[in-house]
Amino acid sequence: MVSKVFNVSSSINVRLPQELQMFVKVQTDGAGVYDSTSEYIRDLIRRDYQRAEEQKWQKLEALLQPGLDGDEENFLSVSRGDVIEAAKARLNDG
């Protein structure tokens, strides 16, 4: 097994305009929802990551939906062996 080592910086510096700095300060000043700026930024990134993952699933569902909505009379019944043989044929042709 090959393992890869990734060099990841332990910090990221971001410049914000004054208005956004004040907003972050309000969110992280002890009375806000977050205890630190780092916690706030990590939560924003996690939520953005989750949103991106949800979008991937939505795209996949949209691609599959016509098949799910299709009339069963239009479907073909195939065996596992049929699928394997078709895959082998594609490999040999490719």
PDB file of N, CA and C in Angstrom:
ATOM      1  N   MET A   1       0.848  -1.175   0.000  1.00  0.00           N
ATOM      2  CA  MET A   1       0.000   0.000   0.000  1.00  0.00           C
ATOM      3  C   MET A   1       0.893   1.239   0.000  1.00  0.00           C
ATOM      4  N   VAL A   2       0.579   2.180  -0.851  1.00  0.00           N
ATOM      5  CA  VAL A   2       1.352   3.407  -0.967  1.00  0.00           C
ATOM      6  C   VAL A   2       0.652   4.489  -0.153  1.00  0.00           C
ATOM      7  N   SER A   3       1.399   5.121   0.721  1.00  0.00           N
ATOM      8  CA  SER A   3       0.813   6.220   1.469  1.00  0.00           C
ATOM      9  C   SER A   3       1.380   7.529   0.944  1.00  0.00           C
ATOM     10  N   LYS A   4       0.541   8.531   0.948  1.00  0.00           N
ATOM     11  CA  LYS A   4       0.953   9.837   0.462  1.00  0.00           C
ATOM     12  C   LYS A   4       1.026  10.800   1.639  1.00  0.00           C
ATOM     13  N   VAL A   5       1.980  11.656   1.598  1.00  0.00           N
ATOM     14  CA  VAL A   5       2.109  12.686   2.610  1.00  0.00           C
ATOM     15  C   VAL A   5       1.712  14.010   1.978  1.00  0.00           C
ATOM     16  N   PHE A   6       0.798  14.684   2.612  1.00  0.00           N
ATOM     17  CA  PHE A   6       0.343  15.970   2.124  1.00  0.00           C
ATOM     18  C   PHE A   6       0.854  17.052   3.065  1.00  0.00           C
ATOM     19  N   ASN A   7       1.461  18.052   2.501  1.00  0.00           N
ATOM     20  CA  ASN A   7       1.885  19.194   3.301  1.00  0.00           C
ATOM     21  C   ASN A   7       0.742  20.194   3.344  1.00  0.00           C
ATOM     22  N   VAL A   8       0.180  20.352   4.509  1.00  0.00           N
ATOM     23  CA  VAL A   8      -0.930  21.266   4.682  1.00  0.00           C
ATOM     24  C   VAL A   8      -0.508  22.328   5.698  1.00  0.00           C
ATOM     25  N   SER A   9      -0.675  23.547   5.315  1.00  0.00           N
ATOM     26  CA  SER A   9      -0.357  24.636   6.226  1.00  0.00           C
ATOM     27  C   SER A   9      -1.299  24.579   7.418  1.00  0.00           C
ATOM     28  N   SER A  10      -0.776  24.854   8.587  1.00  0.00           N
ATOM     29  CA  SER A  10      -1.615  24.816   9.774  1.00  0.00           C
ATOM     30  C   SER A  10      -2.434  26.085   9.941  1.00  0.00           C
ATOM     31  N   SER A  11      -2.178  27.065   9.118  1.00  0.00           N
ATOM     32  CA  SER A  11      -2.958  28.296   9.219  1.00  0.00           C
ATOM     33  C   SER A  11      -3.178  28.898   7.839  1.00  0.00           C
ATOM     34  N   ILE A  12      -4.256  29.648   7.763  1.00  0.00           N
ATOM     35  CA  ILE A  12      -4.598  30.365   6.538  1.00  0.00           C
ATOM     36  C   ILE A  12      -4.868  31.804   6.946  1.00  0.00           C
ATOM     37  N   ASN A  13      -4.226  32.727   6.292  1.00  0.00           N
ATOM     38  CA  ASN A  13      -4.440  34.139   6.581  1.00  0.00           C
ATOM     39  C   ASN A  13      -5.432  34.722   5.588  1.00  0.00           C
ATOM     40  N   VAL A  14      -6.394  35.439   6.111  1.00  0.00           N
ATOM     41  CA  VAL A  14      -7.427  36.039   5.278  1.00  0.00           C
ATOM     42  C   VAL A  14      -7.559  37.507   5.660  1.00  0.00           C
ATOM     43  N   ARG A  15      -7.567  38.362   4.670  1.00  0.00           N
ATOM     44  CA  ARG A  15      -7.778  39.796   4.913  1.00  0.00           C
ATOM     45  C   ARG A  15      -9.263  40.092   4.697  1.00  0.00           C
ATOM     46  N   LEU A  16      -9.834  40.786   5.671  1.00  0.00           N
ATOM     47  CA  LEU A  16     -11.245  41.149   5.591  1.00  0.00           C
ATOM     48  C   LEU A  16     -11.402  42.652   5.673  1.00  0.00           C
ATOM     49  N   PRO A  17     -12.384  43.188   4.959  1.00  0.00           N
ATOM     50  CA  PRO A  17     -12.679  44.605   5.131  1.00  0.00           C
ATOM     51  C   PRO A  17     -13.220  44.848   6.547  1.00  0.00           C
ATOM     52  N   GLN A  18     -13.144  46.073   6.997  1.00  0.00           N
ATOM     53  CA  GLN A  18     -13.533  46.442   8.360  1.00  0.00           C
ATOM     54  C   GLN A  18     -14.938  45.951   8.717  1.00  0.00           C
ATOM     55  N   GLU A  19     -15.884  46.104   7.807  1.00  0.00           N
ATOM     56  CA  GLU A  19     -17.272  45.707   8.074  1.00  0.00           C
ATOM     57  C   GLU A  19     -17.363  44.214   8.386  1.00  0.00           C
ATOM     58  N   LEU A  20     -16.645  43.393   7.611  1.00  0.00           N
ATOM     59  CA  LEU A  20     -16.670  41.956   7.862  1.00  0.00           C
ATOM     60  C   LEU A  20     -15.904  41.603   9.137  1.00  0.00           C
ATOM     61  N   GLN A  21     -14.838  42.314   9.425  1.00  0.00           N
ATOM     62  CA  GLN A  21     -14.105  42.080  10.672  1.00  0.00           C
ATOM     63  C   GLN A  21     -15.019  42.314  11.868  1.00  0.00           C
ATOM     64  N   MET A  22     -15.789  43.363  11.823  1.00  0.00           N
ATOM     65  CA  MET A  22     -16.715  43.667  12.927  1.00  0.00           C
ATOM     66  C   MET A  22     -17.787  42.582  13.047  1.00  0.00           C
ATOM     67  N   PHE A  23     -18.267  42.104  11.924  1.00  0.00           N
ATOM     68  CA  PHE A  23     -19.277  41.049  11.946  1.00  0.00           C
ATOM     69  C   PHE A  23     -18.702  39.783  12.595  1.00  0.00           C
ATOM     70  N   VAL A  24     -17.491  39.391  12.198  1.00  0.00           N
ATOM     71  CA  VAL A  24     -16.848  38.215  12.780  1.00  0.00           C
ATOM     72  C   VAL A  24     -16.631  38.426  14.276  1.00  0.00           C
ATOM     73  N   LYS A  25     -16.233  39.600  14.663  1.00  0.00           N
ATOM     74  CA  LYS A  25     -15.997  39.895  16.076  1.00  0.00           C
ATOM     75  C   LYS A  25     -17.277  39.716  16.891  1.00  0.00           C
ATOM     76  N   VAL A  26     -18.404  40.172  16.356  1.00  0.00           N
ATOM     77  CA  VAL A  26     -19.686  40.019  17.041  1.00  0.00           C
ATOM     78  C   VAL A  26     -20.029  38.528  17.193  1.00  0.00           C
ATOM     79  N   GLN A  27     -19.711  37.739  16.165  1.00  0.00           N
ATOM     80  CA  GLN A  27     -20.018  36.304  16.208  1.00  0.00           C
ATOM     81  C   GLN A  27     -19.135  35.544  17.195  1.00  0.00           C
ATOM     82  N   THR A  28     -17.993  36.120  17.536  1.00  0.00           N
ATOM     83  CA  THR A  28     -16.994  35.381  18.317  1.00  0.00           C
ATOM     84  C   THR A  28     -16.585  36.095  19.608  1.00  0.00           C
ATOM     85  N   ASP A  29     -17.347  37.064  20.058  1.00  0.00           N
ATOM     86  CA  ASP A  29     -16.921  37.871  21.212  1.00  0.00           C
ATOM     87  C   ASP A  29     -17.311  37.296  22.576  1.00  0.00           C
ATOM     88  N   GLY A  30     -17.742  36.074  22.632  1.00  0.00           N
ATOM     89  CA  GLY A  30     -18.163  35.496  23.901  1.00  0.00           C
ATOM     90  C   GLY A  30     -19.668  35.519  24.050  1.00  0.00           C
ATOM     91  N   ALA A  31     -20.312  36.559  23.574  1.00  0.00           N
ATOM     92  CA  ALA A  31     -21.770  36.626  23.600  1.00  0.00           C
ATOM     93  C   ALA A  31     -22.351  36.045  22.312  1.00  0.00           C
ATOM     94  N   GLY A  32     -21.485  35.875  21.315  1.00  0.00           N
ATOM     95  CA  GLY A  32     -21.916  35.322  20.032  1.00  0.00           C
ATOM     96  C   GLY A  32     -22.031  33.805  20.091  1.00  0.00           C
ATOM     97  N   VAL A  33     -22.259  33.214  18.972  1.00  0.00           N
ATOM     98  CA  VAL A  33     -22.457  31.770  18.876  1.00  0.00           C
ATOM     99  C   VAL A  33     -21.136  31.010  18.993  1.00  0.00           C
ATOM    100  N   TYR A  34     -20.036  31.606  18.575  1.00  0.00           N
ATOM    101  CA  TYR A  34     -18.750  30.912  18.491  1.00  0.00           C
ATOM    102  C   TYR A  34     -17.775  31.447  19.528  1.00  0.00           C
ATOM    103  N   ASP A  35     -16.901  30.552  20.023  1.00  0.00           N
ATOM    104  CA  ASP A  35     -15.903  30.935  21.018  1.00  0.00           C
ATOM    105  C   ASP A  35     -14.664  31.569  20.403  1.00  0.00           C
ATOM    106  N   SER A  36     -14.418  31.277  19.120  1.00  0.00           N
ATOM    107  CA  SER A  36     -13.223  31.820  18.481  1.00  0.00           C
ATOM    108  C   SER A  36     -13.471  32.020  16.993  1.00  0.00           C
ATOM    109  N   THR A  37     -12.626  32.841  16.401  1.00  0.00           N
ATOM    110  CA  THR A  37     -12.696  33.066  14.958  1.00  0.00           C
ATOM    111  C   THR A  37     -12.438  31.757  14.218  1.00  0.00           C
ATOM    112  N   SER A  38     -11.484  30.971  14.696  1.00  0.00           N
ATOM    113  CA  SER A  38     -11.170  29.693  14.045  1.00  0.00           C
ATOM    114  C   SER A  38     -12.371  28.756  14.050  1.00  0.00           C
ATOM    115  N   GLU A  39     -13.070  28.691  15.178  1.00  0.00           N
ATOM    116  CA  GLU A  39     -14.261  27.843  15.268  1.00  0.00           C
ATOM    117  C   GLU A  39     -15.318  28.314  14.266  1.00  0.00           C
ATOM    118  N   TYR A  40     -15.490  29.613  14.160  1.00  0.00           N
ATOM    119  CA  TYR A  40     -16.465  30.187  13.234  1.00  0.00           C
ATOM    120  C   TYR A  40     -16.111  29.848  11.792  1.00  0.00           C
ATOM    121  N   ILE A  41     -14.858  30.038  11.427  1.00  0.00           N
ATOM    122  CA  ILE A  41     -14.412  29.768  10.059  1.00  0.00           C
ATOM    123  C   ILE A  41     -14.537  28.272   9.743  1.00  0.00           C
ATOM    124  N   ARG A  42     -14.131  27.410  10.680  1.00  0.00           N
ATOM    125  CA  ARG A  42     -14.264  25.964  10.444  1.00  0.00           C
ATOM    126  C   ARG A  42     -15.720  25.579  10.215  1.00  0.00           C
ATOM    127  N   ASP A  43     -16.639  26.161  10.993  1.00  0.00           N
ATOM    128  CA  ASP A  43     -18.060  25.860  10.821  1.00  0.00           C
ATOM    129  C   ASP A  43     -18.558  26.327   9.455  1.00  0.00           C
ATOM    130  N   LEU A  44     -18.134  27.512   9.025  1.00  0.00           N
ATOM    131  CA  LEU A  44     -18.525  27.999   7.700  1.00  0.00           C
ATOM    132  C   LEU A  44     -18.034  27.064   6.602  1.00  0.00           C
ATOM    133  N   ILE A  45     -16.791  26.622   6.733  1.00  0.00           N
ATOM    134  CA  ILE A  45     -16.223  25.724   5.721  1.00  0.00           C
ATOM    135  C   ILE A  45     -16.952  24.393   5.723  1.00  0.00           C
ATOM    136  N   ARG A  46     -17.239  23.846   6.912  1.00  0.00           N
ATOM    137  CA  ARG A  46     -17.980  22.575   6.987  1.00  0.00           C
ATOM    138  C   ARG A  46     -19.351  22.700   6.335  1.00  0.00           C
ATOM    139  N   ARG A  47     -20.060  23.793   6.618  1.00  0.00           N
ATOM    140  CA  ARG A  47     -21.384  23.971   6.030  1.00  0.00           C
ATOM    141  C   ARG A  47     -21.301  24.117   4.509  1.00  0.00           C
ATOM    142  N   ASP A  48     -20.290  24.812   4.025  1.00  0.00           N
ATOM    143  CA  ASP A  48     -20.114  24.955   2.588  1.00  0.00           C
ATOM    144  C   ASP A  48     -19.787  23.598   1.956  1.00  0.00           C
ATOM    145  N   TYR A  49     -18.960  22.812   2.633  1.00  0.00           N
ATOM    146  CA  TYR A  49     -18.624  21.463   2.157  1.00  0.00           C
ATOM    147  C   TYR A  49     -19.883  20.600   2.087  1.00  0.00           C
ATOM    148  N   GLN A  50     -20.703  20.641   3.140  1.00  0.00           N
ATOM    149  CA  GLN A  50     -21.946  19.864   3.152  1.00  0.00           C
ATOM    150  C   GLN A  50     -22.875  20.303   2.022  1.00  0.00           C
ATOM    151  N   ARG A  51     -22.943  21.606   1.780  1.00  0.00           N
ATOM    152  CA  ARG A  51     -23.776  22.118   0.694  1.00  0.00           C
ATOM    153  C   ARG A  51     -23.297  21.586  -0.650  1.00  0.00           C
ATOM    154  N   ALA A  52     -21.982  21.583  -0.844  1.00  0.00           N
ATOM    155  CA  ALA A  52     -21.418  21.078  -2.103  1.00  0.00           C
ATOM    156  C   ALA A  52     -21.716  19.588  -2.257  1.00  0.00           C
ATOM    157  N   GLU A  53     -21.609  18.824  -1.166  1.00  0.00           N
ATOM    158  CA  GLU A  53     -21.917  17.390  -1.226  1.00  0.00           C
ATOM    159  C   GLU A  53     -23.394  17.165  -1.541  1.00  0.00           C
ATOM    160  N   GLU A  54     -24.273  17.957  -0.941  1.00  0.00           N
ATOM    161  CA  GLU A  54     -25.705  17.846  -1.226  1.00  0.00           C
ATOM    162  C   GLU A  54     -25.997  18.159  -2.687  1.00  0.00           C
ATOM    163  N   GLN A  55     -25.305  19.137  -3.239  1.00  0.00           N
ATOM    164  CA  GLN A  55     -25.494  19.472  -4.653  1.00  0.00           C
ATOM    165  C   GLN A  55     -25.089  18.306  -5.540  1.00  0.00           C
ATOM    166  N   LYS A  56     -24.017  17.595  -5.179  1.00  0.00           N
ATOM    167  CA  LYS A  56     -23.598  16.424  -5.958  1.00  0.00           C
ATOM    168  C   LYS A  56     -24.703  15.380  -5.957  1.00  0.00           C
ATOM    169  N   TRP A  57     -25.284  15.121  -4.777  1.00  0.00           N
ATOM    170  CA  TRP A  57     -26.363  14.132  -4.693  1.00  0.00           C
ATOM    171  C   TRP A  57     -27.580  14.582  -5.487  1.00  0.00           C
ATOM    172  N   GLN A  58     -27.899  15.873  -5.431  1.00  0.00           N
ATOM    173  CA  GLN A  58     -29.043  16.380  -6.184  1.00  0.00           C
ATOM    174  C   GLN A  58     -28.837  16.205  -7.692  1.00  0.00           C
ATOM    175  N   LYS A  59     -27.614  16.429  -8.158  1.00  0.00           N
ATOM    176  CA  LYS A  59     -27.310  16.231  -9.579  1.00  0.00           C
ATOM    177  C   LYS A  59     -27.461  14.761  -9.954  1.00  0.00           C
ATOM    178  N   LEU A  60     -26.965  13.875  -9.090  1.00  0.00           N
ATOM    179  CA  LEU A  60     -27.088  12.442  -9.358  1.00  0.00           C
ATOM    180  C   LEU A  60     -28.557  12.021  -9.382  1.00  0.00           C
ATOM    181  N   GLU A  61     -29.325  12.505  -8.412  1.00  0.00           N
ATOM    182  CA  GLU A  61     -30.753  12.189  -8.387  1.00  0.00           C
ATOM    183  C   GLU A  61     -31.460  12.681  -9.646  1.00  0.00           C
ATOM    184  N   ALA A  62     -31.084  13.872 -10.101  1.00  0.00           N
ATOM    185  CA  ALA A  62     -31.690  14.422 -11.316  1.00  0.00           C
ATOM    186  C   ALA A  62     -31.368  13.555 -12.528  1.00  0.00           C
ATOM    187  N   LEU A  63     -30.143  13.010 -12.572  1.00  0.00           N
ATOM    188  CA  LEU A  63     -29.768  12.127 -13.682  1.00  0.00           C
ATOM    189  C   LEU A  63     -30.509  10.791 -13.615  1.00  0.00           C
ATOM    190  N   LEU A  64     -30.764  10.306 -12.408  1.00  0.00           N
ATOM    191  CA  LEU A  64     -31.419   9.008 -12.241  1.00  0.00           C
ATOM    192  C   LEU A  64     -32.942   9.086 -12.324  1.00  0.00           C
ATOM    193  N   GLN A  65     -33.496  10.269 -12.084  1.00  0.00           N
ATOM    194  CA  GLN A  65     -34.943  10.411 -11.993  1.00  0.00           C
ATOM    195  C   GLN A  65     -35.701   9.910 -13.225  1.00  0.00           C
ATOM    196  N   PRO A  66     -35.248  10.195 -14.457  1.00  0.00           N
ATOM    197  CA  PRO A  66     -35.994   9.663 -15.610  1.00  0.00           C
ATOM    198  C   PRO A  66     -36.117   8.135 -15.577  1.00  0.00           C
ATOM    199  N   GLY A  67     -35.076   7.462 -15.134  1.00  0.00           N
ATOM    200  CA  GLY A  67     -35.149   6.012 -15.025  1.00  0.00           C
ATOM    201  C   GLY A  67     -36.091   5.566 -13.922  1.00  0.00           C
ATOM    202  N   LEU A  68     -36.096   6.287 -12.825  1.00  0.00           N
ATOM    203  CA  LEU A  68     -36.987   5.951 -11.722  1.00  0.00           C
ATOM    204  C   LEU A  68     -38.448   6.198 -12.089  1.00  0.00           C
ATOM    205  N   ASP A  69     -38.672   7.211 -12.918  1.00  0.00           N
ATOM    206  CA  ASP A  69     -40.034   7.552 -13.325  1.00  0.00           C
ATOM    207  C   ASP A  69     -40.506   6.753 -14.545  1.00  0.00           C
ATOM    208  N   GLY A  70     -39.603   6.008 -15.168  1.00  0.00           N
ATOM    209  CA  GLY A  70     -39.923   5.311 -16.413  1.00  0.00           C
ATOM    210  C   GLY A  70     -40.943   4.199 -16.243  1.00  0.00           C
ATOM    211  N   ASP A  71     -41.587   3.892 -17.332  1.00  0.00           N
ATOM    212  CA  ASP A  71     -42.575   2.816 -17.365  1.00  0.00           C
ATOM    213  C   ASP A  71     -41.842   1.478 -17.322  1.00  0.00           C
ATOM    214  N   GLU A  72     -42.221   0.620 -16.408  1.00  0.00           N
ATOM    215  CA  GLU A  72     -41.530  -0.666 -16.245  1.00  0.00           C
ATOM    216  C   GLU A  72     -41.565  -1.516 -17.508  1.00  0.00           C
ATOM    217  N   GLU A  73     -42.531  -1.289 -18.364  1.00  0.00           N
ATOM    218  CA  GLU A  73     -42.612  -2.044 -19.616  1.00  0.00           C
ATOM    219  C   GLU A  73     -41.417  -1.764 -20.516  1.00  0.00           C
ATOM    220  N   ASN A  74     -40.737  -0.633 -20.313  1.00  0.00           N
ATOM    221  CA  ASN A  74     -39.591  -0.261 -21.135  1.00  0.00           C
ATOM    222  C   ASN A  74     -38.269  -0.804 -20.592  1.00  0.00           C
ATOM    223  N   PHE A  75     -38.304  -1.437 -19.416  1.00  0.00           N
ATOM    224  CA  PHE A  75     -37.095  -1.977 -18.819  1.00  0.00           C
ATOM    225  C   PHE A  75     -36.815  -3.374 -19.345  1.00  0.00           C
ATOM    226  N   LEU A  76     -35.535  -3.707 -19.440  1.00  0.00           N
ATOM    227  CA  LEU A  76     -35.128  -5.038 -19.843  1.00  0.00           C
ATOM    228  C   LEU A  76     -34.664  -5.808 -18.621  1.00  0.00           C
ATOM    229  N   SER A  77     -34.972  -7.078 -18.582  1.00  0.00           N
ATOM    230  CA  SER A  77     -34.521  -7.926 -17.492  1.00  0.00           C
ATOM    231  C   SER A  77     -33.196  -8.553 -17.912  1.00  0.00           C
ATOM    232  N   VAL A  78     -32.163  -8.348 -17.109  1.00  0.00           N
ATOM    233  CA  VAL A  78     -30.853  -8.928 -17.408  1.00  0.00           C
ATOM    234  C   VAL A  78     -30.319  -9.621 -16.166  1.00  0.00           C
ATOM    235  N   SER A  79     -29.534 -10.625 -16.389  1.00  0.00           N
ATOM    236  CA  SER A  79     -28.941 -11.355 -15.275  1.00  0.00           C
ATOM    237  C   SER A  79     -27.578 -10.770 -14.933  1.00  0.00           C
ATOM    238  N   ARG A  80     -27.059 -11.184 -13.817  1.00  0.00           N
ATOM    239  CA  ARG A  80     -25.716 -10.768 -13.420  1.00  0.00           C
ATOM    240  C   ARG A  80     -24.708 -11.213 -14.471  1.00  0.00           C
ATOM    241  N   GLY A  81     -24.878 -12.408 -14.989  1.00  0.00           N
ATOM    242  CA  GLY A  81     -23.991 -12.924 -16.029  1.00  0.00           C
ATOM    243  C   GLY A  81     -24.023 -12.074 -17.291  1.00  0.00           C
ATOM    244  N   ASP A  82     -25.237 -11.594 -17.656  1.00  0.00           N
ATOM    245  CA  ASP A  82     -25.362 -10.718 -18.828  1.00  0.00           C
ATOM    246  C   ASP A  82     -24.545  -9.438 -18.644  1.00  0.00           C
ATOM    247  N   VAL A  83     -24.609  -8.880 -17.441  1.00  0.00           N
ATOM    248  CA  VAL A  83     -23.882  -7.644 -17.150  1.00  0.00           C
ATOM    249  C   VAL A  83     -22.381  -7.896 -17.208  1.00  0.00           C
ATOM    250  N   ILE A  84     -21.948  -8.998 -16.624  1.00  0.00           N
ATOM    251  CA  ILE A  84     -20.513  -9.341 -16.620  1.00  0.00           C
ATOM    252  C   ILE A  84     -20.011  -9.567 -18.039  1.00  0.00           C
ATOM    253  N   GLU A  85     -20.767 -10.289 -18.837  1.00  0.00           N
ATOM    254  CA  GLU A  85     -20.356 -10.547 -20.225  1.00  0.00           C
ATOM    255  C   GLU A  85     -20.300  -9.254 -21.037  1.00  0.00           C
ATOM    256  N   ALA A  86     -21.262  -8.372 -20.829  1.00  0.00           N
ATOM    257  CA  ALA A  86     -21.263  -7.090 -21.545  1.00  0.00           C
ATOM    258  C   ALA A  86     -20.032  -6.266 -21.142  1.00  0.00           C
ATOM    259  N   ALA A  87     -19.698  -6.276 -19.856  1.00  0.00           N
ATOM    260  CA  ALA A  87     -18.519  -5.532 -19.388  1.00  0.00           C
ATOM    261  C   ALA A  87     -17.242  -6.120 -19.968  1.00  0.00           C
ATOM    262  N   LYS A  88     -17.152  -7.445 -20.006  1.00  0.00           N
ATOM    263  CA  LYS A  88     -15.957  -8.097 -20.591  1.00  0.00           C
ATOM    264  C   LYS A  88     -15.834  -7.765 -22.074  1.00  0.00           C
ATOM    265  N   ALA A  89     -16.963  -7.746 -22.767  1.00  0.00           N
ATOM    266  CA  ALA A  89     -16.949  -7.431 -24.192  1.00  0.00           C
ATOM    267  C   ALA A  89     -16.466  -5.993 -24.414  1.00  0.00           C
ATOM    268  N   ARG A  90     -16.907  -5.075 -23.553  1.00  0.00           N
ATOM    269  CA  ARG A  90     -16.462  -3.689 -23.678  1.00  0.00           C
ATOM    270  C   ARG A  90     -14.959  -3.570 -23.426  1.00  0.00           C
ATOM    271  N   LEU A  91     -14.483  -4.314 -22.440  1.00  0.00           N
ATOM    272  CA  LEU A  91     -13.047  -4.296 -22.132  1.00  0.00           C
ATOM    273  C   LEU A  91     -12.221  -4.832 -23.303  1.00  0.00           C
ATOM    274  N   ASN A  92     -12.690  -5.892 -23.912  1.00  0.00           N
ATOM    275  CA  ASN A  92     -11.980  -6.495 -25.046  1.00  0.00           C
ATOM    276  C   ASN A  92     -12.034  -5.614 -26.289  1.00  0.00           C
ATOM    277  N   ASP A  93     -13.134  -4.855 -26.446  1.00  0.00           N
ATOM    278  CA  ASP A  93     -13.263  -3.962 -27.594  1.00  0.00           C
ATOM    279  C   ASP A  93     -12.483  -2.673 -27.422  1.00  0.00           C
ATOM    280  N   GLY A  94     -12.233  -2.285 -26.169  1.00  0.00           N
ATOM    281  CA  GLY A  94     -11.627  -0.990 -25.879  1.00  0.00           C
ATOM    282  C   GLY A  94     -10.160  -1.028 -25.928  1.00  0.00           C
TER     283      GLY A  94
END
